[in-house]
């Protein structure tokens, strides 16, 4: 199961349990490189 990040209001962000980081993707295409962002703010 993918957990949504609290800053997913702007982008589609999903939290990976393995790394514990949030991956944001502007498009629904996961094939493209996603932007990694830490949930610090």
C-alpha atoms as a PDB file:
ATOM      1  CA  UNK A   1       0.000   0.000   0.000  1.00  0.00           C
ATOM      2  CA  UNK A   2       1.237   3.495  -0.857  1.00  0.00           C
ATOM      3  CA  UNK A   3       0.880   6.224   1.739  1.00  0.00           C
ATOM      4  CA  UNK A   4       0.164   9.750   0.535  1.00  0.00           C
ATOM      5  CA  UNK A   5       2.399  12.513   1.810  1.00  0.00           C
ATOM      6  CA  UNK A   6       0.946  15.537   3.534  1.00  0.00           C
ATOM      7  CA  UNK A   7       2.333  17.829   0.808  1.00  0.00           C
ATOM      8  CA  UNK A   8       0.610  15.863  -1.954  1.00  0.00           C
ATOM      9  CA  UNK A   9      -1.725  18.823  -2.495  1.00  0.00           C
ATOM     10  CA  UNK A  10       0.603  20.194  -5.161  1.00  0.00           C
ATOM     11  CA  UNK A  11       1.986  16.964  -6.566  1.00  0.00           C
ATOM     12  CA  UNK A  12       1.202  13.282  -6.463  1.00  0.00           C
ATOM     13  CA  UNK A  13       3.503  12.121  -3.694  1.00  0.00           C
ATOM     14  CA  UNK A  14       3.827   8.572  -2.413  1.00  0.00           C
ATOM     15  CA  UNK A  15       5.874   7.446   0.549  1.00  0.00           C
ATOM     16  CA  UNK A  16       8.068   4.374   0.110  1.00  0.00           C
ATOM     17  CA  UNK A  17       8.211   2.135   3.168  1.00  0.00           C
ATOM     18  CA  UNK A  18      11.609   0.829   2.078  1.00  0.00           C
ATOM     19  CA  UNK A  19      13.375   4.202   1.987  1.00  0.00           C
ATOM     20  CA  UNK A  20      10.899   6.115   4.105  1.00  0.00           C
ATOM     21  CA  UNK A  21      11.096   9.030   1.678  1.00  0.00           C
ATOM     22  CA  UNK A  22       8.410  10.703  -0.398  1.00  0.00           C
ATOM     23  CA  UNK A  23       8.501  10.467  -4.164  1.00  0.00           C
ATOM     24  CA  UNK A  24       6.597  13.163  -6.044  1.00  0.00           C
ATOM     25  CA  UNK A  25       5.599  12.768  -9.652  1.00  0.00           C
ATOM     26  CA  UNK A  26       4.031  15.587 -11.659  1.00  0.00           C
ATOM     27  CA  UNK A  27       2.488  13.077 -14.064  1.00  0.00           C
ATOM     28  CA  UNK A  28       0.806   9.761 -13.489  1.00  0.00           C
ATOM     29  CA  UNK A  29       3.581   8.182 -15.529  1.00  0.00           C
ATOM     30  CA  UNK A  30       5.864   6.463 -13.016  1.00  0.00           C
ATOM     31  CA  UNK A  31       8.174   5.520 -15.896  1.00  0.00           C
ATOM     32  CA  UNK A  32       9.628   9.028 -15.911  1.00  0.00           C
ATOM     33  CA  UNK A  33      12.207  10.161 -13.324  1.00  0.00           C
ATOM     34  CA  UNK A  34      10.467  11.242 -10.133  1.00  0.00           C
ATOM     35  CA  UNK A  35      11.573  14.056  -7.850  1.00  0.00           C
ATOM     36  CA  UNK A  36      12.710  12.978  -4.408  1.00  0.00           C
ATOM     37  CA  UNK A  37      11.750  15.222  -1.515  1.00  0.00           C
ATOM     38  CA  UNK A  38      12.278  14.794   2.203  1.00  0.00           C
ATOM     39  CA  UNK A  39       9.323  15.314   4.516  1.00  0.00           C
ATOM     40  CA  UNK A  40      11.022  17.960   6.628  1.00  0.00           C
ATOM     41  CA  UNK A  41       8.647  20.883   6.155  1.00  0.00           C
END
